[in-house]
N, C-alpha and C. Protein backbone atom coordinates (compact mmCIF):
# COMPACT_ATOMS: atom_id res chain seq x y z
N UNK A 1 104.95 99.69 114.62
CA UNK A 1 104.28 98.99 113.52
C UNK A 1 104.35 97.49 113.74
N UNK A 2 103.27 96.75 113.47
CA UNK A 2 103.27 95.31 113.72
C UNK A 2 104.39 94.56 113.01
N UNK A 3 104.68 94.98 111.77
CA UNK A 3 105.81 94.40 111.05
C UNK A 3 106.47 95.54 110.28
N UNK A 4 107.77 95.67 110.45
CA UNK A 4 108.46 96.82 109.88
C UNK A 4 109.06 96.58 108.52
N UNK A 5 109.00 95.35 108.04
CA UNK A 5 109.62 95.04 106.75
C UNK A 5 108.87 93.89 106.10
N UNK A 6 109.17 93.67 104.83
CA UNK A 6 108.56 92.55 104.12
C UNK A 6 108.97 91.22 104.75
N UNK A 7 110.21 91.15 105.22
CA UNK A 7 110.69 89.93 105.85
C UNK A 7 109.93 89.64 107.14
N UNK A 8 109.63 90.70 107.90
CA UNK A 8 108.85 90.52 109.13
C UNK A 8 107.47 89.95 108.82
N UNK A 9 106.84 90.48 107.78
CA UNK A 9 105.51 89.96 107.41
C UNK A 9 105.61 88.52 106.93
N UNK A 10 106.62 88.23 106.11
CA UNK A 10 106.76 86.87 105.60
C UNK A 10 106.90 85.86 106.73
N UNK A 11 107.52 86.28 107.81
CA UNK A 11 107.70 85.36 108.95
C UNK A 11 106.37 84.99 109.61
N UNK A 12 105.31 85.75 109.33
CA UNK A 12 103.99 85.46 109.88
C UNK A 12 103.20 84.48 109.02
N UNK A 13 103.72 84.19 107.81
CA UNK A 13 102.99 83.39 106.83
C UNK A 13 103.38 81.92 106.87
N UNK A 14 102.46 81.05 106.46
CA UNK A 14 102.84 79.65 106.24
C UNK A 14 103.83 79.57 105.07
N UNK A 15 104.61 78.49 105.06
CA UNK A 15 105.71 78.37 104.10
C UNK A 15 105.26 78.47 102.65
N UNK A 16 104.08 77.89 102.32
CA UNK A 16 103.66 77.87 100.92
C UNK A 16 103.30 79.26 100.40
N UNK A 17 102.98 80.20 101.30
CA UNK A 17 102.73 81.59 100.90
C UNK A 17 104.00 82.42 100.95
N UNK A 18 104.85 82.11 101.90
CA UNK A 18 106.08 82.87 102.08
C UNK A 18 106.95 82.83 100.82
N UNK A 19 107.03 81.69 100.17
CA UNK A 19 107.93 81.57 99.03
C UNK A 19 107.46 82.36 97.81
N UNK A 20 106.18 82.78 97.81
CA UNK A 20 105.65 83.55 96.68
C UNK A 20 105.31 85.00 97.07
N UNK A 21 105.70 85.38 98.26
CA UNK A 21 105.32 86.70 98.78
C UNK A 21 105.80 87.84 97.91
N UNK A 22 107.02 87.75 97.41
CA UNK A 22 107.59 88.87 96.64
C UNK A 22 106.85 89.11 95.33
N UNK A 23 106.15 88.08 94.83
CA UNK A 23 105.41 88.21 93.57
C UNK A 23 103.99 88.70 93.81
N UNK A 24 103.36 88.22 94.87
CA UNK A 24 101.92 88.40 95.03
C UNK A 24 101.48 89.46 96.03
N UNK A 25 102.33 89.85 96.97
CA UNK A 25 101.87 90.70 98.05
C UNK A 25 102.55 92.06 98.02
N UNK A 26 101.77 93.10 98.32
CA UNK A 26 102.24 94.48 98.28
C UNK A 26 103.43 94.70 99.22
N UNK A 27 104.52 95.29 98.75
CA UNK A 27 105.62 95.63 99.66
C UNK A 27 105.15 96.59 100.75
N UNK A 28 105.73 96.47 101.93
CA UNK A 28 105.33 97.31 103.06
C UNK A 28 105.45 98.79 102.70
N UNK A 29 106.55 99.20 102.08
CA UNK A 29 106.73 100.63 101.80
C UNK A 29 105.69 101.14 100.81
N UNK A 30 105.24 100.30 99.91
CA UNK A 30 104.17 100.68 98.98
C UNK A 30 102.84 100.79 99.72
N UNK A 31 102.57 99.83 100.59
CA UNK A 31 101.32 99.83 101.34
C UNK A 31 101.20 101.07 102.23
N UNK A 32 102.30 101.50 102.81
CA UNK A 32 102.29 102.69 103.67
C UNK A 32 101.88 103.92 102.86
N UNK A 33 102.48 104.10 101.70
CA UNK A 33 102.16 105.26 100.85
C UNK A 33 100.73 105.15 100.33
N UNK A 34 100.33 103.97 99.88
CA UNK A 34 98.98 103.79 99.33
C UNK A 34 97.91 104.06 100.38
N UNK A 35 98.17 103.64 101.61
CA UNK A 35 97.19 103.86 102.69
C UNK A 35 96.97 105.35 102.92
N UNK A 36 98.05 106.10 102.96
CA UNK A 36 97.93 107.55 103.19
C UNK A 36 97.22 108.25 102.05
N UNK A 37 97.41 107.76 100.82
CA UNK A 37 96.73 108.35 99.68
C UNK A 37 95.23 108.04 99.71
N UNK A 38 94.90 106.82 100.10
CA UNK A 38 93.50 106.39 100.07
C UNK A 38 92.68 106.95 101.22
N UNK A 39 93.30 107.16 102.36
CA UNK A 39 92.53 107.54 103.56
C UNK A 39 93.12 108.79 104.20
N UNK A 40 93.01 109.94 103.52
CA UNK A 40 93.58 111.17 104.08
C UNK A 40 92.76 111.76 105.22
N UNK A 41 91.51 111.28 105.39
CA UNK A 41 90.64 111.80 106.44
C UNK A 41 90.16 110.66 107.33
N UNK A 42 89.87 110.93 108.59
CA UNK A 42 89.35 109.88 109.48
C UNK A 42 88.01 109.34 108.99
N UNK A 43 87.77 108.07 109.30
CA UNK A 43 86.47 107.48 109.02
C UNK A 43 86.29 106.93 107.62
N UNK A 44 87.31 106.98 106.79
CA UNK A 44 87.17 106.48 105.42
C UNK A 44 87.18 104.95 105.42
N UNK A 45 86.46 104.38 104.46
CA UNK A 45 86.33 102.93 104.36
C UNK A 45 86.89 102.49 103.01
N UNK A 46 87.89 101.61 103.05
CA UNK A 46 88.64 101.23 101.86
C UNK A 46 88.51 99.74 101.62
N UNK A 47 88.35 99.34 100.36
CA UNK A 47 88.28 97.94 99.98
C UNK A 47 89.51 97.55 99.16
N UNK A 48 90.17 96.47 99.59
CA UNK A 48 91.28 95.87 98.84
C UNK A 48 90.71 94.67 98.09
N UNK A 49 90.69 94.77 96.77
CA UNK A 49 90.12 93.71 95.94
C UNK A 49 91.21 92.68 95.64
N UNK A 50 91.00 91.44 96.10
CA UNK A 50 92.01 90.40 95.96
C UNK A 50 93.07 90.55 97.03
N UNK A 51 92.66 90.52 98.29
CA UNK A 51 93.53 90.92 99.41
C UNK A 51 94.57 89.88 99.80
N UNK A 52 94.42 88.62 99.36
CA UNK A 52 95.36 87.59 99.79
C UNK A 52 95.36 87.48 101.31
N UNK A 53 96.53 87.27 101.94
CA UNK A 53 96.59 87.15 103.39
C UNK A 53 96.60 88.48 104.13
N UNK A 54 96.24 89.56 103.43
CA UNK A 54 95.94 90.80 104.12
C UNK A 54 97.06 91.79 104.32
N UNK A 55 98.15 91.65 103.60
CA UNK A 55 99.32 92.51 103.87
C UNK A 55 99.00 93.98 103.71
N UNK A 56 98.33 94.36 102.61
CA UNK A 56 98.01 95.77 102.44
C UNK A 56 97.11 96.27 103.55
N UNK A 57 96.01 95.59 103.81
CA UNK A 57 95.05 96.06 104.80
C UNK A 57 95.66 96.15 106.20
N UNK A 58 96.48 95.17 106.56
CA UNK A 58 97.10 95.18 107.89
C UNK A 58 98.07 96.35 108.04
N UNK A 59 98.88 96.58 107.01
CA UNK A 59 99.79 97.73 107.04
C UNK A 59 99.02 99.03 107.07
N UNK A 60 97.99 99.13 106.22
CA UNK A 60 97.20 100.35 106.11
C UNK A 60 96.45 100.64 107.40
N UNK A 61 95.89 99.60 108.02
CA UNK A 61 95.14 99.79 109.26
C UNK A 61 96.04 100.33 110.36
N UNK A 62 97.28 99.92 110.37
CA UNK A 62 98.23 100.45 111.35
C UNK A 62 98.59 101.89 111.05
N UNK A 63 98.74 102.21 109.76
CA UNK A 63 99.13 103.57 109.35
C UNK A 63 98.00 104.57 109.56
N UNK A 64 96.77 104.14 109.34
CA UNK A 64 95.60 105.03 109.40
C UNK A 64 94.58 104.44 110.37
N UNK A 65 94.83 104.53 111.67
CA UNK A 65 93.99 103.82 112.65
C UNK A 65 92.57 104.34 112.76
N UNK A 66 92.27 105.52 112.21
CA UNK A 66 90.91 106.05 112.27
C UNK A 66 90.09 105.71 111.03
N UNK A 67 90.68 104.96 110.10
CA UNK A 67 89.95 104.51 108.91
C UNK A 67 89.78 103.00 108.95
N UNK A 68 88.90 102.49 108.10
CA UNK A 68 88.57 101.07 108.08
C UNK A 68 89.06 100.47 106.76
N UNK A 69 89.76 99.36 106.87
CA UNK A 69 90.29 98.67 105.68
C UNK A 69 89.72 97.26 105.64
N UNK A 70 89.04 96.95 104.54
CA UNK A 70 88.46 95.63 104.35
C UNK A 70 89.09 94.99 103.12
N UNK A 71 89.38 93.71 103.24
CA UNK A 71 89.90 92.96 102.11
C UNK A 71 88.92 91.88 101.72
N UNK A 72 88.84 91.60 100.42
CA UNK A 72 87.98 90.53 99.93
C UNK A 72 88.81 89.62 99.04
N UNK A 73 88.60 88.32 99.18
CA UNK A 73 89.32 87.36 98.35
C UNK A 73 88.44 86.13 98.15
N UNK A 74 88.62 85.52 96.98
CA UNK A 74 87.87 84.33 96.61
C UNK A 74 88.38 83.09 97.34
N UNK A 75 89.63 83.17 97.85
CA UNK A 75 90.25 82.03 98.51
C UNK A 75 89.91 82.05 100.01
N UNK A 76 89.22 81.02 100.46
CA UNK A 76 88.81 80.95 101.86
C UNK A 76 90.01 80.89 102.79
N UNK A 77 91.02 80.11 102.42
CA UNK A 77 92.16 79.90 103.33
C UNK A 77 92.94 81.18 103.57
N UNK A 78 93.18 81.99 102.53
CA UNK A 78 93.96 83.21 102.76
C UNK A 78 93.16 84.22 103.58
N UNK A 79 91.83 84.21 103.44
CA UNK A 79 91.00 85.09 104.26
C UNK A 79 91.08 84.67 105.72
N UNK A 80 91.10 83.38 105.97
CA UNK A 80 91.26 82.89 107.34
C UNK A 80 92.61 83.32 107.92
N UNK A 81 93.66 83.24 107.11
CA UNK A 81 94.98 83.66 107.57
C UNK A 81 94.99 85.15 107.87
N UNK A 82 94.43 85.95 106.97
CA UNK A 82 94.38 87.40 107.16
C UNK A 82 93.60 87.77 108.42
N UNK A 83 92.48 87.11 108.63
CA UNK A 83 91.66 87.39 109.82
C UNK A 83 92.43 87.04 111.08
N UNK A 84 93.14 85.91 111.06
CA UNK A 84 93.95 85.53 112.22
C UNK A 84 95.06 86.50 112.49
N UNK A 85 95.69 87.02 111.44
CA UNK A 85 96.77 87.99 111.63
C UNK A 85 96.25 89.31 112.20
N UNK A 86 95.07 89.75 111.74
CA UNK A 86 94.48 90.98 112.28
C UNK A 86 94.23 90.84 113.78
N UNK A 87 93.74 89.66 114.19
CA UNK A 87 93.52 89.42 115.61
C UNK A 87 94.83 89.34 116.37
N UNK A 88 95.80 88.65 115.79
CA UNK A 88 97.11 88.50 116.42
C UNK A 88 97.80 89.85 116.62
N UNK A 89 97.63 90.74 115.65
CA UNK A 89 98.29 92.05 115.69
C UNK A 89 97.45 93.11 116.39
N UNK A 90 96.23 92.76 116.78
CA UNK A 90 95.37 93.70 117.49
C UNK A 90 94.87 94.85 116.64
N UNK A 91 94.64 94.59 115.36
CA UNK A 91 94.19 95.64 114.44
C UNK A 91 92.68 95.51 114.23
N UNK A 92 91.93 96.29 114.98
CA UNK A 92 90.47 96.17 114.95
C UNK A 92 89.85 96.88 113.74
N UNK A 93 90.63 97.69 113.03
CA UNK A 93 90.10 98.39 111.86
C UNK A 93 90.48 97.70 110.55
N UNK A 94 90.90 96.44 110.63
CA UNK A 94 91.16 95.63 109.44
C UNK A 94 90.29 94.37 109.53
N UNK A 95 89.55 94.08 108.46
CA UNK A 95 88.72 92.88 108.44
C UNK A 95 88.73 92.31 107.03
N UNK A 96 88.30 91.05 106.92
CA UNK A 96 88.44 90.33 105.65
C UNK A 96 87.20 89.50 105.37
N UNK A 97 86.87 89.42 104.07
CA UNK A 97 85.64 88.79 103.62
C UNK A 97 85.97 87.72 102.60
N UNK A 98 85.45 86.51 102.80
CA UNK A 98 85.58 85.45 101.80
C UNK A 98 84.38 85.54 100.87
N UNK A 99 84.61 86.06 99.67
CA UNK A 99 83.49 86.28 98.75
C UNK A 99 84.02 86.61 97.37
N UNK A 100 83.11 86.59 96.42
CA UNK A 100 83.35 87.18 95.10
C UNK A 100 83.25 88.69 95.28
N UNK A 101 84.28 89.42 94.93
CA UNK A 101 84.29 90.87 95.14
C UNK A 101 83.09 91.55 94.48
N UNK A 102 82.60 90.99 93.38
CA UNK A 102 81.52 91.63 92.65
C UNK A 102 80.15 91.34 93.26
N UNK A 103 80.14 90.52 94.31
CA UNK A 103 78.90 90.30 95.04
C UNK A 103 78.72 91.31 96.16
N UNK A 104 79.75 92.13 96.41
CA UNK A 104 79.68 93.13 97.47
C UNK A 104 79.04 94.42 96.95
N UNK A 105 78.59 95.23 97.89
CA UNK A 105 78.06 96.56 97.57
C UNK A 105 79.21 97.55 97.59
N UNK A 106 79.71 97.92 96.43
CA UNK A 106 80.87 98.81 96.35
C UNK A 106 80.51 100.25 96.74
N UNK A 107 79.24 100.58 96.78
CA UNK A 107 78.84 101.97 97.05
C UNK A 107 79.14 102.39 98.49
N UNK A 108 79.39 101.44 99.37
CA UNK A 108 79.64 101.80 100.77
C UNK A 108 81.11 102.13 101.04
N UNK A 109 81.94 102.05 100.00
CA UNK A 109 83.37 102.32 100.18
C UNK A 109 83.75 103.70 99.63
N UNK A 110 84.73 104.30 100.30
CA UNK A 110 85.26 105.60 99.87
C UNK A 110 86.44 105.45 98.92
N UNK A 111 87.03 104.28 98.90
CA UNK A 111 88.20 104.09 98.05
C UNK A 111 88.49 102.61 97.83
N UNK A 112 89.33 102.35 96.82
CA UNK A 112 89.65 100.98 96.43
C UNK A 112 91.14 100.85 96.15
N UNK A 113 91.68 99.70 96.54
CA UNK A 113 93.09 99.40 96.27
C UNK A 113 93.15 98.19 95.34
N UNK A 114 93.97 98.32 94.28
CA UNK A 114 94.13 97.24 93.32
C UNK A 114 95.62 96.95 93.09
N UNK A 115 96.01 95.72 93.33
CA UNK A 115 97.33 95.24 92.94
C UNK A 115 97.11 94.11 91.95
N UNK A 116 96.79 94.50 90.72
CA UNK A 116 96.61 93.56 89.61
C UNK A 116 95.91 92.27 90.07
N UNK A 117 94.69 92.36 90.59
CA UNK A 117 94.08 91.22 91.28
C UNK A 117 93.69 90.04 90.40
N UNK A 118 93.67 90.22 89.09
CA UNK A 118 93.19 89.15 88.21
C UNK A 118 94.30 88.53 87.36
N UNK A 119 95.55 88.86 87.65
CA UNK A 119 96.66 88.46 86.79
C UNK A 119 96.81 86.94 86.66
N UNK A 120 96.42 86.21 87.69
CA UNK A 120 96.60 84.76 87.64
C UNK A 120 95.80 84.10 86.53
N UNK A 121 94.77 84.79 86.06
CA UNK A 121 93.98 84.22 84.97
C UNK A 121 94.67 84.35 83.62
N UNK A 122 95.84 85.01 83.61
CA UNK A 122 96.59 85.18 82.37
C UNK A 122 97.89 84.39 82.34
N UNK A 123 98.34 83.88 83.49
CA UNK A 123 99.68 83.30 83.57
C UNK A 123 99.66 81.92 84.21
N UNK A 124 100.69 81.16 83.90
CA UNK A 124 100.87 79.85 84.50
C UNK A 124 102.10 79.87 85.41
N UNK A 125 102.43 78.72 85.95
CA UNK A 125 103.69 78.55 86.67
C UNK A 125 103.75 79.27 87.99
N UNK A 126 104.91 79.87 88.27
CA UNK A 126 105.17 80.45 89.58
C UNK A 126 104.22 81.61 89.88
N UNK A 127 103.66 82.23 88.87
CA UNK A 127 102.77 83.35 89.11
C UNK A 127 101.43 82.91 89.69
N UNK A 128 101.16 81.62 89.73
CA UNK A 128 99.99 81.13 90.43
C UNK A 128 100.29 81.08 91.93
N UNK A 129 99.40 81.67 92.74
CA UNK A 129 99.56 81.57 94.19
C UNK A 129 99.20 80.16 94.65
N UNK A 130 98.14 79.62 94.08
CA UNK A 130 97.75 78.23 94.31
C UNK A 130 96.90 77.82 93.11
N UNK A 131 96.13 76.76 93.24
CA UNK A 131 95.33 76.29 92.10
C UNK A 131 93.85 76.64 92.23
N UNK A 132 93.54 77.61 93.08
CA UNK A 132 92.16 78.03 93.25
C UNK A 132 91.64 78.76 92.01
N UNK A 133 92.50 79.59 91.43
CA UNK A 133 92.12 80.41 90.28
C UNK A 133 92.55 79.71 89.00
N UNK A 134 91.63 79.51 88.08
CA UNK A 134 91.93 78.84 86.83
C UNK A 134 92.46 79.82 85.79
N UNK A 135 93.33 79.33 84.92
CA UNK A 135 93.79 80.10 83.77
C UNK A 135 92.60 80.33 82.85
N UNK A 136 92.22 81.59 82.69
CA UNK A 136 91.01 81.90 81.92
C UNK A 136 91.06 83.35 81.44
N UNK A 137 91.75 83.62 80.33
CA UNK A 137 91.86 85.00 79.83
C UNK A 137 90.52 85.68 79.59
N UNK A 138 89.50 84.91 79.18
CA UNK A 138 88.19 85.51 78.94
C UNK A 138 87.60 86.05 80.23
N UNK A 139 87.77 85.30 81.31
CA UNK A 139 87.26 85.75 82.60
C UNK A 139 88.04 86.96 83.09
N UNK A 140 89.34 87.01 82.77
CA UNK A 140 90.15 88.18 83.11
C UNK A 140 89.52 89.44 82.51
N UNK A 141 89.18 89.39 81.25
CA UNK A 141 88.56 90.54 80.58
C UNK A 141 87.22 90.86 81.23
N UNK A 142 86.45 89.84 81.54
CA UNK A 142 85.15 90.04 82.19
C UNK A 142 85.31 90.78 83.51
N UNK A 143 86.29 90.39 84.32
CA UNK A 143 86.47 90.99 85.63
C UNK A 143 86.98 92.43 85.52
N UNK A 144 87.88 92.67 84.57
CA UNK A 144 88.37 94.03 84.37
C UNK A 144 87.23 94.96 83.98
N UNK A 145 86.38 94.50 83.09
CA UNK A 145 85.23 95.31 82.69
C UNK A 145 84.27 95.52 83.86
N UNK A 146 84.16 94.52 84.72
CA UNK A 146 83.28 94.66 85.89
C UNK A 146 83.82 95.70 86.86
N UNK A 147 85.14 95.75 87.03
CA UNK A 147 85.74 96.79 87.87
C UNK A 147 85.44 98.16 87.29
N UNK A 148 85.64 98.32 85.98
CA UNK A 148 85.38 99.61 85.35
C UNK A 148 83.92 100.03 85.54
N UNK A 149 83.00 99.09 85.44
CA UNK A 149 81.58 99.42 85.59
C UNK A 149 81.29 99.91 87.01
N UNK A 150 81.88 99.26 88.00
CA UNK A 150 81.63 99.67 89.39
C UNK A 150 82.30 101.00 89.71
N UNK A 151 83.46 101.22 89.14
CA UNK A 151 84.10 102.52 89.35
C UNK A 151 83.32 103.62 88.63
N UNK A 152 82.75 103.29 87.50
CA UNK A 152 81.94 104.28 86.78
C UNK A 152 80.73 104.69 87.60
N UNK A 153 80.18 103.75 88.37
CA UNK A 153 79.00 104.03 89.18
C UNK A 153 79.32 104.64 90.54
N UNK A 154 80.60 104.69 90.90
CA UNK A 154 80.99 105.19 92.22
C UNK A 154 80.68 106.68 92.35
N UNK A 155 80.52 107.11 93.58
CA UNK A 155 80.18 108.51 93.83
C UNK A 155 81.38 109.43 93.64
N UNK A 156 81.09 110.71 93.45
CA UNK A 156 82.13 111.73 93.35
C UNK A 156 82.98 111.70 94.64
N UNK A 157 84.28 111.81 94.45
CA UNK A 157 85.19 111.78 95.59
C UNK A 157 85.82 110.43 95.85
N UNK A 158 85.32 109.39 95.18
CA UNK A 158 85.90 108.05 95.34
C UNK A 158 87.38 108.08 94.93
N UNK A 159 88.21 107.43 95.74
CA UNK A 159 89.65 107.39 95.49
C UNK A 159 90.06 105.97 95.11
N UNK A 160 90.94 105.87 94.15
CA UNK A 160 91.41 104.58 93.66
C UNK A 160 92.93 104.62 93.59
N UNK A 161 93.57 103.67 94.26
CA UNK A 161 95.01 103.53 94.16
C UNK A 161 95.33 102.22 93.44
N UNK A 162 96.17 102.32 92.41
CA UNK A 162 96.60 101.13 91.68
C UNK A 162 98.10 100.95 91.84
N UNK A 163 98.49 99.70 92.07
CA UNK A 163 99.89 99.28 92.10
C UNK A 163 99.99 98.16 91.08
N UNK A 164 100.62 98.43 89.95
CA UNK A 164 100.61 97.53 88.80
C UNK A 164 99.20 97.40 88.22
N UNK A 165 98.32 98.36 88.50
CA UNK A 165 97.03 98.46 87.85
C UNK A 165 96.04 97.38 88.24
N UNK A 166 94.89 97.37 87.52
CA UNK A 166 93.90 96.32 87.70
C UNK A 166 93.59 95.64 86.38
N UNK A 167 94.31 96.03 85.32
CA UNK A 167 94.12 95.41 84.02
C UNK A 167 93.45 96.31 83.00
N UNK A 168 92.91 97.43 83.44
CA UNK A 168 92.24 98.35 82.53
C UNK A 168 92.49 99.79 82.96
N UNK A 169 91.95 100.71 82.20
CA UNK A 169 92.09 102.13 82.54
C UNK A 169 90.92 102.57 83.40
N UNK A 170 91.13 103.61 84.20
CA UNK A 170 90.03 104.14 85.00
C UNK A 170 88.99 104.77 84.08
N UNK A 171 87.73 104.71 84.45
CA UNK A 171 86.68 105.28 83.60
C UNK A 171 86.80 106.80 83.49
N UNK A 172 86.11 107.35 82.52
CA UNK A 172 86.02 108.80 82.42
C UNK A 172 85.39 109.33 83.70
N UNK A 173 85.74 110.54 84.07
CA UNK A 173 85.27 111.11 85.32
C UNK A 173 86.31 111.08 86.41
N UNK A 174 87.37 110.28 86.21
CA UNK A 174 88.47 110.21 87.17
C UNK A 174 89.66 111.03 86.69
N UNK A 175 90.36 111.65 87.63
CA UNK A 175 91.58 112.37 87.31
C UNK A 175 92.75 111.80 88.11
N UNK A 176 93.92 111.78 87.48
CA UNK A 176 95.13 111.33 88.15
C UNK A 176 95.60 112.42 89.11
N UNK A 177 95.58 112.11 90.40
CA UNK A 177 95.93 113.09 91.44
C UNK A 177 97.38 112.96 91.84
N UNK A 178 97.88 111.73 91.86
CA UNK A 178 99.26 111.49 92.30
C UNK A 178 99.83 110.32 91.53
N UNK A 179 101.07 110.47 91.09
CA UNK A 179 101.78 109.41 90.38
C UNK A 179 103.17 109.35 90.99
N UNK A 180 103.39 108.38 91.87
CA UNK A 180 104.63 108.32 92.64
C UNK A 180 105.40 107.04 92.33
N UNK A 181 106.71 107.14 92.44
CA UNK A 181 107.57 105.96 92.36
C UNK A 181 108.08 105.68 93.76
N UNK A 182 107.79 104.48 94.25
CA UNK A 182 108.27 104.04 95.56
C UNK A 182 109.22 102.89 95.31
N UNK A 183 110.49 103.08 95.62
CA UNK A 183 111.48 102.10 95.24
C UNK A 183 111.58 102.06 93.73
N UNK A 184 111.22 100.96 93.13
CA UNK A 184 111.20 100.84 91.67
C UNK A 184 109.79 100.70 91.14
N UNK A 185 108.80 100.93 91.99
CA UNK A 185 107.41 100.67 91.62
C UNK A 185 106.59 101.95 91.57
N UNK A 186 105.60 101.97 90.68
CA UNK A 186 104.74 103.13 90.51
C UNK A 186 103.40 102.93 91.19
N UNK A 187 102.98 103.96 91.92
CA UNK A 187 101.67 103.97 92.58
C UNK A 187 100.90 105.15 92.03
N UNK A 188 99.68 104.90 91.58
CA UNK A 188 98.84 105.97 91.05
C UNK A 188 97.61 106.15 91.91
N UNK A 189 97.28 107.40 92.19
CA UNK A 189 96.04 107.74 92.89
C UNK A 189 95.12 108.46 91.91
N UNK A 190 93.91 107.91 91.75
CA UNK A 190 92.88 108.51 90.92
C UNK A 190 91.72 108.92 91.80
N UNK A 191 91.10 110.04 91.47
CA UNK A 191 89.93 110.50 92.22
C UNK A 191 88.80 110.82 91.25
N UNK A 192 87.60 110.41 91.61
CA UNK A 192 86.46 110.72 90.77
C UNK A 192 86.02 112.15 91.02
N UNK A 193 86.05 112.97 89.97
CA UNK A 193 85.76 114.39 90.12
C UNK A 193 84.50 114.82 89.38
N UNK A 194 83.96 113.96 88.54
CA UNK A 194 82.73 114.28 87.81
C UNK A 194 82.04 112.96 87.44
N UNK A 195 80.76 113.02 87.12
CA UNK A 195 80.03 111.78 86.79
C UNK A 195 80.60 111.09 85.56
N UNK A 196 80.45 109.78 85.55
CA UNK A 196 80.76 108.98 84.36
C UNK A 196 79.45 108.72 83.64
N UNK A 197 79.32 109.24 82.47
CA UNK A 197 78.08 109.07 81.72
C UNK A 197 78.19 107.83 80.85
N UNK A 198 77.14 106.99 80.92
CA UNK A 198 77.15 105.77 80.13
C UNK A 198 75.89 105.72 79.28
N UNK A 199 76.03 105.17 78.09
CA UNK A 199 74.92 105.04 77.17
C UNK A 199 74.77 103.57 76.78
N UNK A 200 73.58 103.19 76.35
CA UNK A 200 73.30 101.81 75.96
C UNK A 200 73.54 101.64 74.46
N UNK A 201 74.43 100.67 74.12
CA UNK A 201 74.68 100.34 72.73
C UNK A 201 74.58 98.84 72.57
N UNK A 202 73.64 98.37 71.74
CA UNK A 202 73.44 96.94 71.54
C UNK A 202 73.30 96.18 72.85
N UNK A 203 72.46 96.70 73.72
CA UNK A 203 72.15 96.08 75.01
C UNK A 203 73.34 96.04 75.98
N UNK A 204 74.36 96.81 75.70
CA UNK A 204 75.52 96.90 76.59
C UNK A 204 75.77 98.36 76.92
N UNK A 205 76.28 98.61 78.15
CA UNK A 205 76.63 99.96 78.53
C UNK A 205 78.01 100.33 77.99
N UNK A 206 78.13 101.53 77.48
CA UNK A 206 79.43 102.07 77.06
C UNK A 206 79.53 103.48 77.63
N UNK A 207 80.76 103.88 77.91
CA UNK A 207 80.95 105.23 78.43
C UNK A 207 80.75 106.26 77.33
N UNK A 208 80.10 107.35 77.69
CA UNK A 208 79.93 108.48 76.77
C UNK A 208 81.13 109.40 76.97
N UNK A 209 81.89 109.59 75.93
CA UNK A 209 83.10 110.43 76.03
C UNK A 209 82.75 111.89 75.87
């Protein structure tokens, strides 16, 4: 494995990211379990929303070499770091995109990984990775609802792994397949097993229960 522990990964990071690693980046042992849950078959394509410097995708790409792991982040610098680490570690099935996650076509992915990607919009202080993301609780709600909408539109069989969630509940049509505790942390695997029906109410979509 390219890095066998959280400390090994931290040693690959610049100092300003290393000091906040324990708060912002998925532990290696969690990433290993999450990767196996998300990509049980060869050829699966997984998106990490809010990937930071790529710790989940790099670990997952090593664990599941026949699947593809892509990370997206709004911060250009962390995407550059993640891309450099993938090249340094020789992981050709891990790649990273500097973009707004909601500008991507989510329909091309088989699964999604979420480690509370919007939390910085609710907190100040040490929980900020940097000053790229502004404190904006209203935008937090907007993004959580946008995730739910895209998951609602996802095809049957889509897999979703949450580590500390994404801020909302999975839409109807998903079932909890696995609920594991790794160390002191909970990882949930959800799979879409039936369509999510949505109806229009006051010019807005709502799920039909």
